[in-house]
Amino acid sequence: WATAFELFAKPFRAREPQTSAQIALRFCLSHPAVTCAIPGMLNPEQVLENTLASHLGSLAHDDISVLKDIYAQHTFFVTQRG
């Protein structure tokens, strides 16, 4: 799973430093059907990390297109054989 996530995170980390949680939160909040996200927070550092994600804003339309292309070009699920 970490490898798949890095595939999606790489285009964003190349431009600006972000944590995995920040990228995931920005992705969730970039969709018009999502009105809020409730991330887990176990310590003050995670609260700050999540708060900073909102300051980065939603992902740009071009960024969403890049993520859709990555998803379309790869297989991420294992299927069981009969």
PDB file of N, CA and C in Angstrom:
ATOM      1  N   TRP A   1       0.818  -1.191   0.000  1.00  0.00           N
ATOM      2  CA  TRP A   1       0.000   0.000   0.000  1.00  0.00           C
ATOM      3  C   TRP A   1       0.864   1.259   0.000  1.00  0.00           C
ATOM      4  N   ALA A   2       1.910   1.262   0.756  1.00  0.00           N
ATOM      5  CA  ALA A   2       2.765   2.449   0.800  1.00  0.00           C
ATOM      6  C   ALA A   2       3.315   2.775  -0.583  1.00  0.00           C
ATOM      7  N   THR A   3       3.653   1.767  -1.358  1.00  0.00           N
ATOM      8  CA  THR A   3       4.165   1.998  -2.698  1.00  0.00           C
ATOM      9  C   THR A   3       3.103   2.644  -3.573  1.00  0.00           C
ATOM     10  N   ALA A   4       1.877   2.169  -3.495  1.00  0.00           N
ATOM     11  CA  ALA A   4       0.788   2.761  -4.275  1.00  0.00           C
ATOM     12  C   ALA A   4       0.559   4.199  -3.849  1.00  0.00           C
ATOM     13  N   PHE A   5       0.578   4.452  -2.561  1.00  0.00           N
ATOM     14  CA  PHE A   5       0.367   5.817  -2.104  1.00  0.00           C
ATOM     15  C   PHE A   5       1.469   6.734  -2.603  1.00  0.00           C
ATOM     16  N   GLU A   6       2.702   6.279  -2.566  1.00  0.00           N
ATOM     17  CA  GLU A   6       3.811   7.097  -3.046  1.00  0.00           C
ATOM     18  C   GLU A   6       3.654   7.437  -4.524  1.00  0.00           C
ATOM     19  N   LEU A   7       3.082   6.548  -5.293  1.00  0.00           N
ATOM     20  CA  LEU A   7       2.816   6.811  -6.694  1.00  0.00           C
ATOM     21  C   LEU A   7       1.915   8.036  -6.839  1.00  0.00           C
ATOM     22  N   PHE A   8       0.918   8.151  -5.980  1.00  0.00           N
ATOM     23  CA  PHE A   8       0.008   9.289  -6.013  1.00  0.00           C
ATOM     24  C   PHE A   8       0.629  10.540  -5.381  1.00  0.00           C
ATOM     25  N   ALA A   9       1.441  10.370  -4.377  1.00  0.00           N
ATOM     26  CA  ALA A   9       1.989  11.512  -3.633  1.00  0.00           C
ATOM     27  C   ALA A   9       3.164  12.177  -4.343  1.00  0.00           C
ATOM     28  N   LYS A  10       3.878  11.439  -5.160  1.00  0.00           N
ATOM     29  CA  LYS A  10       5.098  11.950  -5.781  1.00  0.00           C
ATOM     30  C   LYS A  10       4.908  13.272  -6.528  1.00  0.00           C
ATOM     31  N   PRO A  11       3.869  13.443  -7.354  1.00  0.00           N
ATOM     32  CA  PRO A  11       3.723  14.720  -8.068  1.00  0.00           C
ATOM     33  C   PRO A  11       3.579  15.928  -7.142  1.00  0.00           C
ATOM     34  N   PHE A  12       3.031  15.729  -5.956  1.00  0.00           N
ATOM     35  CA  PHE A  12       2.815  16.835  -5.025  1.00  0.00           C
ATOM     36  C   PHE A  12       4.070  17.130  -4.218  1.00  0.00           C
ATOM     37  N   ARG A  13       4.766  16.115  -3.824  1.00  0.00           N
ATOM     38  CA  ARG A  13       5.969  16.306  -3.013  1.00  0.00           C
ATOM     39  C   ARG A  13       7.085  16.952  -3.826  1.00  0.00           C
ATOM     40  N   ALA A  14       7.055  16.793  -5.137  1.00  0.00           N
ATOM     41  CA  ALA A  14       8.080  17.397  -5.980  1.00  0.00           C
ATOM     42  C   ALA A  14       7.970  18.922  -5.980  1.00  0.00           C
ATOM     43  N   ARG A  15       6.768  19.450  -5.760  1.00  0.00           N
ATOM     44  CA  ARG A  15       6.546  20.899  -5.799  1.00  0.00           C
ATOM     45  C   ARG A  15       6.636  21.558  -4.434  1.00  0.00           C
ATOM     46  N   GLU A  16       6.078  20.937  -3.424  1.00  0.00           N
ATOM     47  CA  GLU A  16       6.057  21.539  -2.098  1.00  0.00           C
ATOM     48  C   GLU A  16       6.058  20.432  -1.054  1.00  0.00           C
ATOM     49  N   PRO A  17       6.766  20.622   0.052  1.00  0.00           N
ATOM     50  CA  PRO A  17       6.803  19.582   1.083  1.00  0.00           C
ATOM     51  C   PRO A  17       5.435  19.396   1.739  1.00  0.00           C
ATOM     52  N   GLN A  18       4.979  18.164   1.749  1.00  0.00           N
ATOM     53  CA  GLN A  18       3.707  17.804   2.369  1.00  0.00           C
ATOM     54  C   GLN A  18       3.825  16.420   2.960  1.00  0.00           C
ATOM     55  N   THR A  19       3.085  16.185   4.009  1.00  0.00           N
ATOM     56  CA  THR A  19       3.047  14.849   4.587  1.00  0.00           C
ATOM     57  C   THR A  19       1.984  14.025   3.854  1.00  0.00           C
ATOM     58  N   SER A  20       2.019  12.740   4.070  1.00  0.00           N
ATOM     59  CA  SER A  20       1.013  11.850   3.479  1.00  0.00           C
ATOM     60  C   SER A  20      -0.395  12.238   3.932  1.00  0.00           C
ATOM     61  N   ALA A  21      -0.538  12.578   5.198  1.00  0.00           N
ATOM     62  CA  ALA A  21      -1.851  12.963   5.726  1.00  0.00           C
ATOM     63  C   ALA A  21      -2.348  14.239   5.058  1.00  0.00           C
ATOM     64  N   GLN A  22      -1.459  15.188   4.833  1.00  0.00           N
ATOM     65  CA  GLN A  22      -1.875  16.438   4.194  1.00  0.00           C
ATOM     66  C   GLN A  22      -2.347  16.219   2.761  1.00  0.00           C
ATOM     67  N   ILE A  23      -1.641  15.394   2.030  1.00  0.00           N
ATOM     68  CA  ILE A  23      -2.040  15.097   0.655  1.00  0.00           C
ATOM     69  C   ILE A  23      -3.396  14.397   0.646  1.00  0.00           C
ATOM     70  N   ALA A  24      -3.580  13.442   1.536  1.00  0.00           N
ATOM     71  CA  ALA A  24      -4.852  12.716   1.594  1.00  0.00           C
ATOM     72  C   ALA A  24      -6.011  13.639   1.980  1.00  0.00           C
ATOM     73  N   LEU A  25      -5.788  14.513   2.947  1.00  0.00           N
ATOM     74  CA  LEU A  25      -6.839  15.457   3.352  1.00  0.00           C
ATOM     75  C   LEU A  25      -7.176  16.421   2.220  1.00  0.00           C
ATOM     76  N   ARG A  26      -6.167  16.920   1.548  1.00  0.00           N
ATOM     77  CA  ARG A  26      -6.418  17.838   0.430  1.00  0.00           C
ATOM     78  C   ARG A  26      -7.207  17.146  -0.677  1.00  0.00           C
ATOM     79  N   PHE A  27      -6.894  15.887  -0.925  1.00  0.00           N
ATOM     80  CA  PHE A  27      -7.629  15.139  -1.940  1.00  0.00           C
ATOM     81  C   PHE A  27      -9.097  15.017  -1.548  1.00  0.00           C
ATOM     82  N   CYS A  28      -9.346  14.638  -0.315  1.00  0.00           N
ATOM     83  CA  CYS A  28     -10.730  14.491   0.150  1.00  0.00           C
ATOM     84  C   CYS A  28     -11.492  15.806   0.052  1.00  0.00           C
ATOM     85  N   LEU A  29     -10.859  16.882   0.440  1.00  0.00           N
ATOM     86  CA  LEU A  29     -11.532  18.177   0.474  1.00  0.00           C
ATOM     87  C   LEU A  29     -11.629  18.850  -0.897  1.00  0.00           C
ATOM     88  N   SER A  30     -11.050  18.246  -1.909  1.00  0.00           N
ATOM     89  CA  SER A  30     -11.089  18.807  -3.260  1.00  0.00           C
ATOM     90  C   SER A  30     -12.348  18.434  -4.020  1.00  0.00           C
ATOM     91  N   HIS A  31     -13.129  17.523  -3.472  1.00  0.00           N
ATOM     92  CA  HIS A  31     -14.333  17.069  -4.160  1.00  0.00           C
ATOM     93  C   HIS A  31     -15.549  17.838  -3.662  1.00  0.00           C
ATOM     94  N   PRO A  32     -16.364  18.350  -4.591  1.00  0.00           N
ATOM     95  CA  PRO A  32     -17.521  19.150  -4.188  1.00  0.00           C
ATOM     96  C   PRO A  32     -18.530  18.393  -3.330  1.00  0.00           C
ATOM     97  N   ALA A  33     -18.564  17.077  -3.439  1.00  0.00           N
ATOM     98  CA  ALA A  33     -19.525  16.290  -2.662  1.00  0.00           C
ATOM     99  C   ALA A  33     -19.090  16.143  -1.200  1.00  0.00           C
ATOM    100  N   VAL A  34     -17.850  16.474  -0.899  1.00  0.00           N
ATOM    101  CA  VAL A  34     -17.326  16.355   0.467  1.00  0.00           C
ATOM    102  C   VAL A  34     -17.438  17.704   1.156  1.00  0.00           C
ATOM    103  N   THR A  35     -18.189  17.745   2.243  1.00  0.00           N
ATOM    104  CA  THR A  35     -18.351  19.000   2.967  1.00  0.00           C
ATOM    105  C   THR A  35     -17.375  19.135   4.132  1.00  0.00           C
ATOM    106  N   CYS A  36     -16.867  17.996   4.631  1.00  0.00           N
ATOM    107  CA  CYS A  36     -15.870  18.054   5.691  1.00  0.00           C
ATOM    108  C   CYS A  36     -15.150  16.715   5.763  1.00  0.00           C
ATOM    109  N   ALA A  37     -13.999  16.746   6.387  1.00  0.00           N
ATOM    110  CA  ALA A  37     -13.240  15.522   6.656  1.00  0.00           C
ATOM    111  C   ALA A  37     -12.898  15.533   8.141  1.00  0.00           C
ATOM    112  N   ILE A  38     -12.967  14.380   8.755  1.00  0.00           N
ATOM    113  CA  ILE A  38     -12.663  14.285  10.181  1.00  0.00           C
ATOM    114  C   ILE A  38     -11.462  13.353  10.339  1.00  0.00           C
ATOM    115  N   PRO A  39     -10.255  13.922  10.292  1.00  0.00           N
ATOM    116  CA  PRO A  39      -9.058  13.092  10.406  1.00  0.00           C
ATOM    117  C   PRO A  39      -8.774  12.718  11.857  1.00  0.00           C
ATOM    118  N   GLY A  40      -8.069  11.635  12.025  1.00  0.00           N
ATOM    119  CA  GLY A  40      -7.650  11.235  13.368  1.00  0.00           C
ATOM    120  C   GLY A  40      -6.491  12.096  13.838  1.00  0.00           C
ATOM    121  N   MET A  41      -6.449  12.332  15.136  1.00  0.00           N
ATOM    122  CA  MET A  41      -5.372  13.124  15.730  1.00  0.00           C
ATOM    123  C   MET A  41      -5.073  12.545  17.104  1.00  0.00           C
ATOM    124  N   LEU A  42      -3.856  12.085  17.282  1.00  0.00           N
ATOM    125  CA  LEU A  42      -3.481  11.471  18.552  1.00  0.00           C
ATOM    126  C   LEU A  42      -2.539  12.332  19.382  1.00  0.00           C
ATOM    127  N   ASN A  43      -1.976  13.373  18.765  1.00  0.00           N
ATOM    128  CA  ASN A  43      -1.042  14.218  19.500  1.00  0.00           C
ATOM    129  C   ASN A  43      -1.045  15.623  18.882  1.00  0.00           C
ATOM    130  N   PRO A  44      -0.437  16.582  19.561  1.00  0.00           N
ATOM    131  CA  PRO A  44      -0.446  17.962  19.057  1.00  0.00           C
ATOM    132  C   PRO A  44       0.203  18.114  17.669  1.00  0.00           C
ATOM    133  N   GLU A  45       1.209  17.310  17.373  1.00  0.00           N
ATOM    134  CA  GLU A  45       1.866  17.390  16.078  1.00  0.00           C
ATOM    135  C   GLU A  45       0.894  17.028  14.951  1.00  0.00           C
ATOM    136  N   GLN A  46       0.058  16.025  15.165  1.00  0.00           N
ATOM    137  CA  GLN A  46      -0.920  15.628  14.156  1.00  0.00           C
ATOM    138  C   GLN A  46      -2.003  16.691  13.985  1.00  0.00           C
ATOM    139  N   VAL A  47      -2.372  17.363  15.058  1.00  0.00           N
ATOM    140  CA  VAL A  47      -3.340  18.460  14.963  1.00  0.00           C
ATOM    141  C   VAL A  47      -2.762  19.556  14.060  1.00  0.00           C
ATOM    142  N   LEU A  48      -1.516  19.924  14.289  1.00  0.00           N
ATOM    143  CA  LEU A  48      -0.859  20.949  13.483  1.00  0.00           C
ATOM    144  C   LEU A  48      -0.738  20.503  12.024  1.00  0.00           C
ATOM    145  N   GLU A  49      -0.333  19.269  11.814  1.00  0.00           N
ATOM    146  CA  GLU A  49      -0.195  18.730  10.458  1.00  0.00           C
ATOM    147  C   GLU A  49      -1.524  18.811   9.699  1.00  0.00           C
ATOM    148  N   ASN A  50      -2.608  18.410  10.345  1.00  0.00           N
ATOM    149  CA  ASN A  50      -3.923  18.448   9.705  1.00  0.00           C
ATOM    150  C   ASN A  50      -4.375  19.880   9.446  1.00  0.00           C
ATOM    151  N   THR A  51      -4.096  20.767  10.382  1.00  0.00           N
ATOM    152  CA  THR A  51      -4.465  22.173  10.216  1.00  0.00           C
ATOM    153  C   THR A  51      -3.718  22.799   9.047  1.00  0.00           C
ATOM    154  N   LEU A  52      -2.456  22.489   8.924  1.00  0.00           N
ATOM    155  CA  LEU A  52      -1.660  23.044   7.825  1.00  0.00           C
ATOM    156  C   LEU A  52      -2.175  22.582   6.461  1.00  0.00           C
ATOM    157  N   ALA A  53      -2.772  21.407   6.403  1.00  0.00           N
ATOM    158  CA  ALA A  53      -3.325  20.916   5.136  1.00  0.00           C
ATOM    159  C   ALA A  53      -4.405  21.861   4.619  1.00  0.00           C
ATOM    160  N   SER A  54      -5.198  22.421   5.515  1.00  0.00           N
ATOM    161  CA  SER A  54      -6.256  23.336   5.075  1.00  0.00           C
ATOM    162  C   SER A  54      -5.662  24.626   4.513  1.00  0.00           C
ATOM    163  N   HIS A  55      -4.516  25.031   4.994  1.00  0.00           N
ATOM    164  CA  HIS A  55      -3.868  26.238   4.482  1.00  0.00           C
ATOM    165  C   HIS A  55      -3.307  26.016   3.074  1.00  0.00           C
ATOM    166  N   LEU A  56      -3.013  24.766   2.745  1.00  0.00           N
ATOM    167  CA  LEU A  56      -2.527  24.460   1.397  1.00  0.00           C
ATOM    168  C   LEU A  56      -3.664  24.521   0.380  1.00  0.00           C
ATOM    169  N   GLY A  57      -4.889  24.375   0.844  1.00  0.00           N
ATOM    170  CA  GLY A  57      -6.051  24.491  -0.033  1.00  0.00           C
ATOM    171  C   GLY A  57      -6.368  23.220  -0.793  1.00  0.00           C
ATOM    172  N   SER A  58      -7.409  23.317  -1.593  1.00  0.00           N
ATOM    173  CA  SER A  58      -7.835  22.184  -2.414  1.00  0.00           C
ATOM    174  C   SER A  58      -6.805  21.913  -3.498  1.00  0.00           C
ATOM    175  N   LEU A  59      -6.847  20.722  -4.023  1.00  0.00           N
ATOM    176  CA  LEU A  59      -5.996  20.395  -5.163  1.00  0.00           C
ATOM    177  C   LEU A  59      -6.548  21.089  -6.405  1.00  0.00           C
ATOM    178  N   ALA A  60      -5.671  21.509  -7.277  1.00  0.00           N
ATOM    179  CA  ALA A  60      -6.073  22.139  -8.529  1.00  0.00           C
ATOM    180  C   ALA A  60      -6.711  21.096  -9.447  1.00  0.00           C
ATOM    181  N   HIS A  61      -7.515  21.562 -10.376  1.00  0.00           N
ATOM    182  CA  HIS A  61      -8.170  20.677 -11.339  1.00  0.00           C
ATOM    183  C   HIS A  61      -7.135  19.815 -12.074  1.00  0.00           C
ATOM    184  N   ASP A  62      -6.007  20.418 -12.433  1.00  0.00           N
ATOM    185  CA  ASP A  62      -4.948  19.668 -13.120  1.00  0.00           C
ATOM    186  C   ASP A  62      -4.383  18.564 -12.236  1.00  0.00           C
ATOM    187  N   ASP A  63      -4.286  18.835 -10.939  1.00  0.00           N
ATOM    188  CA  ASP A  63      -3.790  17.817 -10.006  1.00  0.00           C
ATOM    189  C   ASP A  63      -4.759  16.636  -9.919  1.00  0.00           C
ATOM    190  N   ILE A  64      -6.047  16.918  -9.888  1.00  0.00           N
ATOM    191  CA  ILE A  64      -7.046  15.859  -9.861  1.00  0.00           C
ATOM    192  C   ILE A  64      -6.939  15.030 -11.142  1.00  0.00           C
ATOM    193  N   SER A  65      -6.705  15.693 -12.274  1.00  0.00           N
ATOM    194  CA  SER A  65      -6.549  14.976 -13.550  1.00  0.00           C
ATOM    195  C   SER A  65      -5.339  14.050 -13.516  1.00  0.00           C
ATOM    196  N   VAL A  66      -4.248  14.520 -12.919  1.00  0.00           N
ATOM    197  CA  VAL A  66      -3.044  13.690 -12.792  1.00  0.00           C
ATOM    198  C   VAL A  66      -3.356  12.443 -11.960  1.00  0.00           C
ATOM    199  N   LEU A  67      -4.069  12.622 -10.848  1.00  0.00           N
ATOM    200  CA  LEU A  67      -4.421  11.480  -9.999  1.00  0.00           C
ATOM    201  C   LEU A  67      -5.327  10.496 -10.732  1.00  0.00           C
ATOM    202  N   LYS A  68      -6.268  11.007 -11.492  1.00  0.00           N
ATOM    203  CA  LYS A  68      -7.150  10.129 -12.276  1.00  0.00           C
ATOM    204  C   LYS A  68      -6.359   9.342 -13.306  1.00  0.00           C
ATOM    205  N   ASP A  69      -5.390   9.986 -13.940  1.00  0.00           N
ATOM    206  CA  ASP A  69      -4.551   9.289 -14.921  1.00  0.00           C
ATOM    207  C   ASP A  69      -3.726   8.183 -14.271  1.00  0.00           C
ATOM    208  N   ILE A  70      -3.151   8.466 -13.112  1.00  0.00           N
ATOM    209  CA  ILE A  70      -2.373   7.447 -12.392  1.00  0.00           C
ATOM    210  C   ILE A  70      -3.273   6.261 -12.055  1.00  0.00           C
ATOM    211  N   TYR A  71      -4.464   6.550 -11.570  1.00  0.00           N
ATOM    212  CA  TYR A  71      -5.407   5.482 -11.215  1.00  0.00           C
ATOM    213  C   TYR A  71      -5.779   4.653 -12.435  1.00  0.00           C
ATOM    214  N   ALA A  72      -6.011   5.303 -13.559  1.00  0.00           N
ATOM    215  CA  ALA A  72      -6.424   4.601 -14.777  1.00  0.00           C
ATOM    216  C   ALA A  72      -5.304   3.726 -15.356  1.00  0.00           C
ATOM    217  N   GLN A  73      -4.063   4.079 -15.097  1.00  0.00           N
ATOM    218  CA  GLN A  73      -2.925   3.369 -15.684  1.00  0.00           C
ATOM    219  C   GLN A  73      -2.392   2.223 -14.822  1.00  0.00           C
ATOM    220  N   HIS A  74      -2.976   2.012 -13.649  1.00  0.00           N
ATOM    221  CA  HIS A  74      -2.464   0.988 -12.736  1.00  0.00           C
ATOM    222  C   HIS A  74      -3.596   0.137 -12.171  1.00  0.00           C
ATOM    223  N   THR A  75      -3.213  -1.029 -11.685  1.00  0.00           N
ATOM    224  CA  THR A  75      -4.142  -1.915 -10.992  1.00  0.00           C
ATOM    225  C   THR A  75      -3.740  -1.934  -9.530  1.00  0.00           C
ATOM    226  N   PHE A  76      -4.688  -1.663  -8.640  1.00  0.00           N
ATOM    227  CA  PHE A  76      -4.369  -1.546  -7.227  1.00  0.00           C
ATOM    228  C   PHE A  76      -5.009  -2.619  -6.357  1.00  0.00           C
ATOM    229  N   PHE A  77      -5.826  -3.465  -6.934  1.00  0.00           N
ATOM    230  CA  PHE A  77      -6.534  -4.475  -6.136  1.00  0.00           C
ATOM    231  C   PHE A  77      -6.151  -5.867  -6.583  1.00  0.00           C
ATOM    232  N   VAL A  78      -6.077  -6.768  -5.640  1.00  0.00           N
ATOM    233  CA  VAL A  78      -5.759  -8.171  -5.917  1.00  0.00           C
ATOM    234  C   VAL A  78      -7.073  -8.921  -6.029  1.00  0.00           C
ATOM    235  N   THR A  79      -7.203  -9.727  -7.061  1.00  0.00           N
ATOM    236  CA  THR A  79      -8.425 -10.517  -7.214  1.00  0.00           C
ATOM    237  C   THR A  79      -8.120 -11.960  -6.851  1.00  0.00           C
ATOM    238  N   GLN A  80      -9.109 -12.626  -6.307  1.00  0.00           N
ATOM    239  CA  GLN A  80      -8.936 -14.036  -5.953  1.00  0.00           C
ATOM    240  C   GLN A  80      -9.151 -14.897  -7.188  1.00  0.00           C
ATOM    241  N   ARG A  81      -8.384 -15.954  -7.277  1.00  0.00           N
ATOM    242  CA  ARG A  81      -8.552 -16.886  -8.397  1.00  0.00           C
ATOM    243  C   ARG A  81      -9.478 -18.010  -7.951  1.00  0.00           C
ATOM    244  N   GLY A  82     -10.373 -18.366  -8.855  1.00  0.00           N
ATOM    245  CA  GLY A  82     -11.388 -19.357  -8.647  1.00  0.00           C
ATOM    246  C   GLY A  82     -11.037 -20.533  -7.883  1.00  0.00           C
TER     247      GLY A  82
END
